[in-house]
C-alpha cells in the first residue's frame, strides 16, 4: 500500500514526463516560448524536451493546406451579379513568422482570400472571367502570395472553381453562342462560294484561250452523262466541233 507522499511524487513525475517530452512528426515544427519569450529557431522534428510550466510549445504543420473559399457575391465590371467560389493552396514556410506575426494564420489567409477574390473578379468583365480564367488565377495567386509573405506563408496556387450565373444571363449567353455558330457557318459558306467562283473564273479564262479545250471538255461531259444515265438525252452539237469535218468534205 502506497502512502500519500509517494503517490503524490509518482503523480508529479508522470506529469513532468508528460509535459516535458514531446514528439514532432517529420512535417511538424515547434515554436517554443519560455516565459513568453521565443527560444531561437523552431524545433523538430523528433524528440523535444521542455521544462514544465515554464516552456510552452506551439505546433506548426509544414504540409500544403487546401483552403476552400465559400461562394462570394461578385459584381463584374460590366454590372453582372454572379457567385464565385475558389480553392487556395498554401503552406507555412517560416513557422516563427506564422505564429508571431499573425494571430491565426489560417483564418487570416481565409479572410484575405475572400476579399481578394471579390476585388480582383470585380474588376474583370464576365467574358474575361469565363474565357481567361487562367490569367485571373495567376493574378489572384500573385496578390495573395505578396500579402501573406510577411506571415511566413507561401501561396502556391489559386483556382476559381464555379461561376454561378443568373438564369437570364445563361439564356443570353446561349443565344449569343448560337448566333456566333450561325455567323461562322455563313462565313464558311460564303468563303466556299467565293473560292468556287474564283476557280470557275480562272477555268473560263483558260478555256477561252484554247477553244479546242472547251470542245474536249464538252465531249467529256457527254461521256460522263451517258455513263450515269440510261435514258436518251439529246445535246446540241457545237458548230465549232464539226467545222473541221465540214471543211474537209467541202474540199
C-alpha atoms as a PDB file:
ATOM      1  CA  UNK A   1       0.000   0.000   0.000  1.00  0.00           C
ATOM      2  CA  UNK A   2       1.496   3.308  -1.172  1.00  0.00           C
ATOM      3  CA  UNK A   3       1.497   6.189   1.246  1.00  0.00           C
ATOM      4  CA  UNK A   4       0.114   9.558   0.206  1.00  0.00           C
ATOM      5  CA  UNK A   5       3.503  11.296  -0.246  1.00  0.00           C
ATOM      6  CA  UNK A   6       4.812   8.529  -2.514  1.00  0.00           C
ATOM      7  CA  UNK A   7       1.650   8.577  -4.622  1.00  0.00           C
ATOM      8  CA  UNK A   8       1.921  12.359  -4.871  1.00  0.00           C
ATOM      9  CA  UNK A   9       5.531  12.071  -6.022  1.00  0.00           C
ATOM     10  CA  UNK A  10       4.574   9.487  -8.666  1.00  0.00           C
ATOM     11  CA  UNK A  11       1.837  11.768  -9.989  1.00  0.00           C
ATOM     12  CA  UNK A  12       4.287  14.673 -10.134  1.00  0.00           C
ATOM     13  CA  UNK A  13       6.839  12.577 -12.037  1.00  0.00           C
ATOM     14  CA  UNK A  14       4.231  11.365 -14.562  1.00  0.00           C
ATOM     15  CA  UNK A  15       3.014  14.930 -15.073  1.00  0.00           C
ATOM     16  CA  UNK A  16       6.598  16.102 -15.502  1.00  0.00           C
ATOM     17  CA  UNK A  17       7.356  13.463 -18.118  1.00  0.00           C
ATOM     18  CA  UNK A  18       4.093  14.083 -19.947  1.00  0.00           C
ATOM     19  CA  UNK A  19       4.700  17.846 -20.040  1.00  0.00           C
ATOM     20  CA  UNK A  20       8.408  17.695 -20.761  1.00  0.00           C
ATOM     21  CA  UNK A  21       8.615  15.126 -23.552  1.00  0.00           C
ATOM     22  CA  UNK A  22       7.108  15.986 -26.930  1.00  0.00           C
ATOM     23  CA  UNK A  23       7.487  14.193 -30.248  1.00  0.00           C
ATOM     24  CA  UNK A  24       7.124  16.043 -33.530  1.00  0.00           C
ATOM     25  CA  UNK A  25       6.484  14.370 -36.881  1.00  0.00           C
ATOM     26  CA  UNK A  26       8.616  14.979 -39.966  1.00  0.00           C
ATOM     27  CA  UNK A  27       6.159  17.566 -41.315  1.00  0.00           C
ATOM     28  CA  UNK A  28       5.842  19.447 -37.981  1.00  0.00           C
ATOM     29  CA  UNK A  29       7.874  22.157 -36.288  1.00  0.00           C
ATOM     30  CA  UNK A  30       7.568  23.517 -32.768  1.00  0.00           C
ATOM     31  CA  UNK A  31       7.811  27.162 -31.760  1.00  0.00           C
ATOM     32  CA  UNK A  32       8.859  27.191 -28.076  1.00  0.00           C
ATOM     33  CA  UNK A  33       8.057  30.033 -25.688  1.00  0.00           C
ATOM     34  CA  UNK A  34       9.912  30.225 -22.367  1.00  0.00           C
ATOM     35  CA  UNK A  35       8.202  32.612 -20.004  1.00  0.00           C
ATOM     36  CA  UNK A  36       6.718  34.393 -23.014  1.00  0.00           C
ATOM     37  CA  UNK A  37       9.955  34.687 -24.979  1.00  0.00           C
ATOM     38  CA  UNK A  38      10.695  32.736 -28.158  1.00  0.00           C
ATOM     39  CA  UNK A  39      13.634  30.332 -27.932  1.00  0.00           C
ATOM     40  CA  UNK A  40      15.565  30.732 -31.176  1.00  0.00           C
ATOM     41  CA  UNK A  41      14.555  28.822 -34.268  1.00  0.00           C
ATOM     42  CA  UNK A  42      11.643  26.334 -34.323  1.00  0.00           C
ATOM     43  CA  UNK A  43      12.449  22.834 -33.082  1.00  0.00           C
ATOM     44  CA  UNK A  44      11.852  19.472 -34.683  1.00  0.00           C
ATOM     45  CA  UNK A  45      11.207  17.003 -35.997  1.00  0.00           C
ATOM     46  CA  UNK A  46      11.851  14.279 -33.410  1.00  0.00           C
ATOM     47  CA  UNK A  47      12.078  14.327 -29.609  1.00  0.00           C
ATOM     48  CA  UNK A  48      11.703  17.683 -27.839  1.00  0.00           C
ATOM     49  CA  UNK A  49      12.414  18.214 -24.132  1.00  0.00           C
ATOM     50  CA  UNK A  50      10.518  21.049 -22.425  1.00  0.00           C
ATOM     51  CA  UNK A  51      10.604  22.485 -18.915  1.00  0.00           C
ATOM     52  CA  UNK A  52       7.134  22.004 -17.449  1.00  0.00           C
ATOM     53  CA  UNK A  53       5.168  25.138 -16.578  1.00  0.00           C
ATOM     54  CA  UNK A  54       7.982  27.347 -17.894  1.00  0.00           C
ATOM     55  CA  UNK A  55       8.040  26.234 -21.538  1.00  0.00           C
ATOM     56  CA  UNK A  56       5.122  26.214 -23.959  1.00  0.00           C
ATOM     57  CA  UNK A  57       5.293  24.804 -27.490  1.00  0.00           C
ATOM     58  CA  UNK A  58       3.061  25.600 -30.454  1.00  0.00           C
ATOM     59  CA  UNK A  59       2.999  23.020 -33.251  1.00  0.00           C
ATOM     60  CA  UNK A  60       3.017  24.182 -36.859  1.00  0.00           C
ATOM     61  CA  UNK A  61       2.391  21.885 -39.821  1.00  0.00           C
ATOM     62  CA  UNK A  62       4.506  22.420 -42.947  1.00  0.00           C
ATOM     63  CA  UNK A  63       2.190  20.468 -45.240  1.00  0.00           C
ATOM     64  CA  UNK A  64       0.211  22.138 -48.023  1.00  0.00           C
ATOM     65  CA  UNK A  65      -3.190  23.343 -46.844  1.00  0.00           C
ATOM     66  CA  UNK A  66      -6.173  23.201 -49.219  1.00  0.00           C
ATOM     67  CA  UNK A  67      -8.386  26.148 -48.302  1.00  0.00           C
ATOM     68  CA  UNK A  68     -11.892  26.150 -49.751  1.00  0.00           C
ATOM     69  CA  UNK A  69     -13.264  29.678 -50.263  1.00  0.00           C
ATOM     70  CA  UNK A  70     -17.069  29.745 -49.896  1.00  0.00           C
ATOM     71  CA  UNK A  71     -19.194  31.298 -52.689  1.00  0.00           C
ATOM     72  CA  UNK A  72     -18.769  35.058 -52.865  1.00  0.00           C
ATOM     73  CA  UNK A  73     -21.193  37.600 -54.342  1.00  0.00           C
ATOM     74  CA  UNK A  74     -19.318  39.471 -57.057  1.00  0.00           C
ATOM     75  CA  UNK A  75     -20.446  42.255 -59.394  1.00  0.00           C
ATOM     76  CA  UNK A  76     -18.277  42.273 -62.507  1.00  0.00           C
ATOM     77  CA  UNK A  77     -17.107  45.400 -64.280  1.00  0.00           C
ATOM     78  CA  UNK A  78     -19.970  45.075 -66.802  1.00  0.00           C
ATOM     79  CA  UNK A  79     -22.512  45.000 -63.919  1.00  0.00           C
ATOM     80  CA  UNK A  80     -23.321  41.278 -63.881  1.00  0.00           C
ATOM     81  CA  UNK A  81     -24.087  39.786 -60.459  1.00  0.00           C
ATOM     82  CA  UNK A  82     -22.527  36.330 -60.019  1.00  0.00           C
ATOM     83  CA  UNK A  83     -21.477  33.884 -57.307  1.00  0.00           C
ATOM     84  CA  UNK A  84     -17.898  32.582 -57.424  1.00  0.00           C
ATOM     85  CA  UNK A  85     -16.028  30.122 -55.227  1.00  0.00           C
ATOM     86  CA  UNK A  86     -12.388  29.102 -55.344  1.00  0.00           C
ATOM     87  CA  UNK A  87      -9.704  26.979 -53.697  1.00  0.00           C
ATOM     88  CA  UNK A  88      -6.337  28.186 -52.393  1.00  0.00           C
ATOM     89  CA  UNK A  89      -3.236  26.015 -51.918  1.00  0.00           C
ATOM     90  CA  UNK A  90      -0.695  27.334 -49.425  1.00  0.00           C
ATOM     91  CA  UNK A  91       1.827  26.151 -46.832  1.00  0.00           C
ATOM     92  CA  UNK A  92       3.845  27.570 -43.965  1.00  0.00           C
ATOM     93  CA  UNK A  93       7.489  28.125 -44.901  1.00  0.00           C
ATOM     94  CA  UNK A  94       8.536  30.141 -41.823  1.00  0.00           C
ATOM     95  CA  UNK A  95       6.828  28.792 -38.686  1.00  0.00           C
ATOM     96  CA  UNK A  96       8.182  31.556 -36.464  1.00  0.00           C
ATOM     97  CA  UNK A  97       6.513  34.307 -38.511  1.00  0.00           C
ATOM     98  CA  UNK A  98       3.292  32.308 -38.865  1.00  0.00           C
ATOM     99  CA  UNK A  99       2.940  32.198 -35.061  1.00  0.00           C
ATOM    100  CA  UNK A 100       4.335  35.594 -34.017  1.00  0.00           C
ATOM    101  CA  UNK A 101       3.350  37.980 -36.826  1.00  0.00           C
ATOM    102  CA  UNK A 102      -0.303  36.936 -37.180  1.00  0.00           C
ATOM    103  CA  UNK A 103      -2.780  35.729 -34.573  1.00  0.00           C
ATOM    104  CA  UNK A 104      -4.369  32.915 -36.621  1.00  0.00           C
ATOM    105  CA  UNK A 105      -2.679  32.450 -39.991  1.00  0.00           C
ATOM    106  CA  UNK A 106      -5.346  30.030 -41.265  1.00  0.00           C
ATOM    107  CA  UNK A 107      -8.234  32.409 -40.514  1.00  0.00           C
ATOM    108  CA  UNK A 108      -6.251  35.405 -41.765  1.00  0.00           C
ATOM    109  CA  UNK A 109      -5.450  33.665 -45.068  1.00  0.00           C
ATOM    110  CA  UNK A 110      -9.093  32.669 -45.490  1.00  0.00           C
ATOM    111  CA  UNK A 111     -10.375  36.221 -44.971  1.00  0.00           C
ATOM    112  CA  UNK A 112      -7.700  37.700 -47.223  1.00  0.00           C
ATOM    113  CA  UNK A 113      -8.566  35.181 -49.957  1.00  0.00           C
ATOM    114  CA  UNK A 114     -12.253  36.098 -49.841  1.00  0.00           C
ATOM    115  CA  UNK A 115     -11.675  39.847 -50.075  1.00  0.00           C
ATOM    116  CA  UNK A 116      -9.047  39.454 -52.804  1.00  0.00           C
ATOM    117  CA  UNK A 117     -11.366  37.197 -54.820  1.00  0.00           C
ATOM    118  CA  UNK A 118     -14.160  39.780 -54.739  1.00  0.00           C
ATOM    119  CA  UNK A 119     -11.778  42.635 -55.540  1.00  0.00           C
ATOM    120  CA  UNK A 120      -9.979  41.026 -58.494  1.00  0.00           C
ATOM    121  CA  UNK A 121     -13.028  39.451 -60.132  1.00  0.00           C
ATOM    122  CA  UNK A 122     -14.992  42.665 -59.635  1.00  0.00           C
ATOM    123  CA  UNK A 123     -12.514  44.429 -61.914  1.00  0.00           C
ATOM    124  CA  UNK A 124     -12.935  41.869 -64.717  1.00  0.00           C
ATOM    125  CA  UNK A 125     -15.700  41.549 -67.270  1.00  0.00           C
ATOM    126  CA  UNK A 126     -17.858  38.445 -67.479  1.00  0.00           C
ATOM    127  CA  UNK A 127     -16.360  37.346 -70.818  1.00  0.00           C
ATOM    128  CA  UNK A 128     -12.837  37.542 -69.368  1.00  0.00           C
ATOM    129  CA  UNK A 129     -13.937  35.575 -66.311  1.00  0.00           C
ATOM    130  CA  UNK A 130     -15.346  32.791 -68.483  1.00  0.00           C
ATOM    131  CA  UNK A 131     -12.657  32.660 -71.179  1.00  0.00           C
ATOM    132  CA  UNK A 132      -9.443  33.858 -69.462  1.00  0.00           C
ATOM    133  CA  UNK A 133      -9.719  32.137 -66.100  1.00  0.00           C
ATOM    134  CA  UNK A 134      -6.052  31.078 -66.072  1.00  0.00           C
ATOM    135  CA  UNK A 135      -4.874  34.683 -66.150  1.00  0.00           C
ATOM    136  CA  UNK A 136      -7.193  35.587 -63.277  1.00  0.00           C
ATOM    137  CA  UNK A 137      -5.938  32.597 -61.275  1.00  0.00           C
ATOM    138  CA  UNK A 138      -2.340  33.742 -61.727  1.00  0.00           C
ATOM    139  CA  UNK A 139      -3.220  37.285 -60.684  1.00  0.00           C
ATOM    140  CA  UNK A 140      -5.009  36.046 -57.564  1.00  0.00           C
ATOM    141  CA  UNK A 141      -2.018  33.862 -56.661  1.00  0.00           C
ATOM    142  CA  UNK A 142       0.437  36.741 -57.050  1.00  0.00           C
ATOM    143  CA  UNK A 143      -1.622  39.119 -54.890  1.00  0.00           C
ATOM    144  CA  UNK A 144      -2.218  36.586 -52.125  1.00  0.00           C
ATOM    145  CA  UNK A 145       1.422  35.470 -52.112  1.00  0.00           C
ATOM    146  CA  UNK A 146       2.583  39.070 -51.777  1.00  0.00           C
ATOM    147  CA  UNK A 147       0.279  39.791 -48.833  1.00  0.00           C
ATOM    148  CA  UNK A 148       0.954  36.520 -46.973  1.00  0.00           C
ATOM    149  CA  UNK A 149       4.749  36.609 -47.345  1.00  0.00           C
ATOM    150  CA  UNK A 150       5.220  38.655 -44.116  1.00  0.00           C
ATOM    151  CA  UNK A 151       3.300  35.892 -42.313  1.00  0.00           C
ATOM    152  CA  UNK A 152       5.743  33.209 -43.479  1.00  0.00           C
ATOM    153  CA  UNK A 153       3.157  31.673 -45.830  1.00  0.00           C
ATOM    154  CA  UNK A 154       3.669  30.677 -49.470  1.00  0.00           C
ATOM    155  CA  UNK A 155       0.585  30.607 -51.710  1.00  0.00           C
ATOM    156  CA  UNK A 156       1.375  28.161 -54.491  1.00  0.00           C
ATOM    157  CA  UNK A 157      -1.868  28.114 -56.466  1.00  0.00           C
ATOM    158  CA  UNK A 158      -5.361  29.610 -56.669  1.00  0.00           C
ATOM    159  CA  UNK A 159      -8.150  28.076 -58.740  1.00  0.00           C
ATOM    160  CA  UNK A 160     -11.562  29.594 -59.440  1.00  0.00           C
ATOM    161  CA  UNK A 161     -13.920  26.613 -59.346  1.00  0.00           C
ATOM    162  CA  UNK A 162     -17.538  27.538 -60.109  1.00  0.00           C
ATOM    163  CA  UNK A 163     -19.154  30.633 -61.588  1.00  0.00           C
ATOM    164  CA  UNK A 164     -22.913  30.717 -60.985  1.00  0.00           C
ATOM    165  CA  UNK A 165     -24.744  32.967 -63.442  1.00  0.00           C
ATOM    166  CA  UNK A 166     -28.339  34.249 -63.210  1.00  0.00           C
ATOM    167  CA  UNK A 167     -30.870  32.377 -65.373  1.00  0.00           C
ATOM    168  CA  UNK A 168     -31.445  35.337 -67.709  1.00  0.00           C
ATOM    169  CA  UNK A 169     -27.693  35.675 -68.244  1.00  0.00           C
ATOM    170  CA  UNK A 170     -27.396  31.958 -69.041  1.00  0.00           C
ATOM    171  CA  UNK A 171     -30.120  32.295 -71.681  1.00  0.00           C
ATOM    172  CA  UNK A 172     -28.420  35.374 -73.141  1.00  0.00           C
ATOM    173  CA  UNK A 173     -25.088  33.551 -73.385  1.00  0.00           C
ATOM    174  CA  UNK A 174     -26.803  30.572 -75.059  1.00  0.00           C
ATOM    175  CA  UNK A 175     -28.400  32.864 -77.658  1.00  0.00           C
ATOM    176  CA  UNK A 176     -25.068  34.589 -78.224  1.00  0.00           C
ATOM    177  CA  UNK A 177     -23.305  31.263 -78.744  1.00  0.00           C
ATOM    178  CA  UNK A 178     -25.993  30.131 -81.218  1.00  0.00           C
ATOM    179  CA  UNK A 179     -25.724  33.387 -83.164  1.00  0.00           C
ATOM    180  CA  UNK A 180     -21.940  33.015 -83.249  1.00  0.00           C
ATOM    181  CA  UNK A 181     -22.229  29.490 -84.669  1.00  0.00           C
ATOM    182  CA  UNK A 182     -24.658  30.687 -87.363  1.00  0.00           C
ATOM    183  CA  UNK A 183     -22.316  33.555 -88.253  1.00  0.00           C
ATOM    184  CA  UNK A 184     -19.376  31.185 -88.647  1.00  0.00           C
ATOM    185  CA  UNK A 185     -21.438  28.824 -90.801  1.00  0.00           C
ATOM    186  CA  UNK A 186     -22.458  31.681 -93.111  1.00  0.00           C
ATOM    187  CA  UNK A 187     -18.884  32.951 -93.325  1.00  0.00           C
ATOM    188  CA  UNK A 188     -17.574  29.488 -94.207  1.00  0.00           C
ATOM    189  CA  UNK A 189     -20.309  29.047 -96.842  1.00  0.00           C
ATOM    190  CA  UNK A 190     -19.556  32.455 -98.367  1.00  0.00           C
ATOM    191  CA  UNK A 191     -15.836  31.690 -98.459  1.00  0.00           C
ATOM    192  CA  UNK A 192     -16.552  28.397-100.217  1.00  0.00           C
ATOM    193  CA  UNK A 193     -18.708  30.111-102.841  1.00  0.00           C
ATOM    194  CA  UNK A 194     -16.069  32.781-103.352  1.00  0.00           C
ATOM    195  CA  UNK A 195     -13.333  30.187-103.881  1.00  0.00           C
ATOM    196  CA  UNK A 196     -15.552  28.207-106.272  1.00  0.00           C
ATOM    197  CA  UNK A 197     -16.384  31.342-108.281  1.00  0.00           C
ATOM    198  CA  UNK A 198     -12.682  32.250-108.432  1.00  0.00           C
ATOM    199  CA  UNK A 199     -11.750  28.813-109.747  1.00  0.00           C
ATOM    200  CA  UNK A 200     -14.531  28.926-112.342  1.00  0.00           C
ATOM    201  CA  UNK A 201     -13.377  32.331-113.496  1.00  0.00           C
ATOM    202  CA  UNK A 202      -9.809  31.069-113.884  1.00  0.00           C
ATOM    203  CA  UNK A 203     -11.046  27.984-115.743  1.00  0.00           C
ATOM    204  CA  UNK A 204     -13.127  30.080-118.142  1.00  0.00           C
ATOM    205  CA  UNK A 205     -10.118  32.258-118.941  1.00  0.00           C
ATOM    206  CA  UNK A 206      -8.020  29.182-119.728  1.00  0.00           C
ATOM    207  CA  UNK A 207     -10.736  27.641-121.908  1.00  0.00           C
ATOM    208  CA  UNK A 208     -11.340  30.908-123.777  1.00  0.00           C
ATOM    209  CA  UNK A 209      -7.683  30.975-124.803  1.00  0.00           C
ATOM    210  CA  UNK A 210      -7.906  27.472-126.305  1.00  0.00           C
ATOM    211  CA  UNK A 211     -11.284  26.629-127.991  1.00  0.00           C
ATOM    212  CA  UNK A 212     -10.245  23.008-128.531  1.00  0.00           C
ATOM    213  CA  UNK A 213     -10.033  22.519-124.754  1.00  0.00           C
ATOM    214  CA  UNK A 214     -13.666  23.648-124.464  1.00  0.00           C
ATOM    215  CA  UNK A 215     -14.718  21.102-127.074  1.00  0.00           C
ATOM    216  CA  UNK A 216     -12.819  18.323-125.315  1.00  0.00           C
ATOM    217  CA  UNK A 217     -14.493  19.283-122.043  1.00  0.00           C
ATOM    218  CA  UNK A 218     -17.868  19.136-123.813  1.00  0.00           C
ATOM    219  CA  UNK A 219     -17.159  15.618-125.086  1.00  0.00           C
ATOM    220  CA  UNK A 220     -16.003  14.518-121.645  1.00  0.00           C
ATOM    221  CA  UNK A 221     -19.282  15.758-120.153  1.00  0.00           C
ATOM    222  CA  UNK A 222     -21.244  13.758-122.725  1.00  0.00           C
ATOM    223  CA  UNK A 223     -19.312  10.617-121.798  1.00  0.00           C
ATOM    224  CA  UNK A 224     -19.974  11.132-118.095  1.00  0.00           C
ATOM    225  CA  UNK A 225     -23.700  11.703-118.617  1.00  0.00           C
ATOM    226  CA  UNK A 226     -24.052   8.694-120.897  1.00  0.00           C
ATOM    227  CA  UNK A 227     -22.324   6.517-118.311  1.00  0.00           C
ATOM    228  CA  UNK A 228     -24.509   7.600-115.398  1.00  0.00           C
ATOM    229  CA  UNK A 229     -27.908   7.842-117.175  1.00  0.00           C
ATOM    230  CA  UNK A 230     -29.629   5.102-119.171  1.00  0.00           C
ATOM    231  CA  UNK A 231     -32.225   7.392-120.736  1.00  0.00           C
ATOM    232  CA  UNK A 232     -31.762   9.086-124.091  1.00  0.00           C
ATOM    233  CA  UNK A 233     -30.529  12.658-123.918  1.00  0.00           C
ATOM    234  CA  UNK A 234     -30.228  14.993-126.919  1.00  0.00           C
ATOM    235  CA  UNK A 235     -27.438  17.532-126.794  1.00  0.00           C
ATOM    236  CA  UNK A 236     -26.910  20.297-129.350  1.00  0.00           C
ATOM    237  CA  UNK A 237     -23.624  19.775-131.154  1.00  0.00           C
ATOM    238  CA  UNK A 238     -21.460  22.899-131.365  1.00  0.00           C
ATOM    239  CA  UNK A 239     -20.668  24.075-134.877  1.00  0.00           C
ATOM    240  CA  UNK A 240     -17.020  24.561-133.960  1.00  0.00           C
ATOM    241  CA  UNK A 241     -16.779  20.890-133.202  1.00  0.00           C
ATOM    242  CA  UNK A 242     -17.869  19.719-136.648  1.00  0.00           C
ATOM    243  CA  UNK A 243     -16.494  22.638-138.611  1.00  0.00           C
ATOM    244  CA  UNK A 244     -13.230  20.894-139.385  1.00  0.00           C
ATOM    245  CA  UNK A 245     -15.127  17.878-140.727  1.00  0.00           C
ATOM    246  CA  UNK A 246     -17.291  20.092-142.997  1.00  0.00           C
ATOM    247  CA  UNK A 247     -14.191  21.835-144.300  1.00  0.00           C
ATOM    248  CA  UNK A 248     -12.705  18.503-145.318  1.00  0.00           C
ATOM    249  CA  UNK A 249     -15.906  17.423-147.089  1.00  0.00           C
ATOM    250  CA  UNK A 250     -16.062  20.744-148.963  1.00  0.00           C
ATOM    251  CA  UNK A 251     -12.610  20.096-150.391  1.00  0.00           C
END
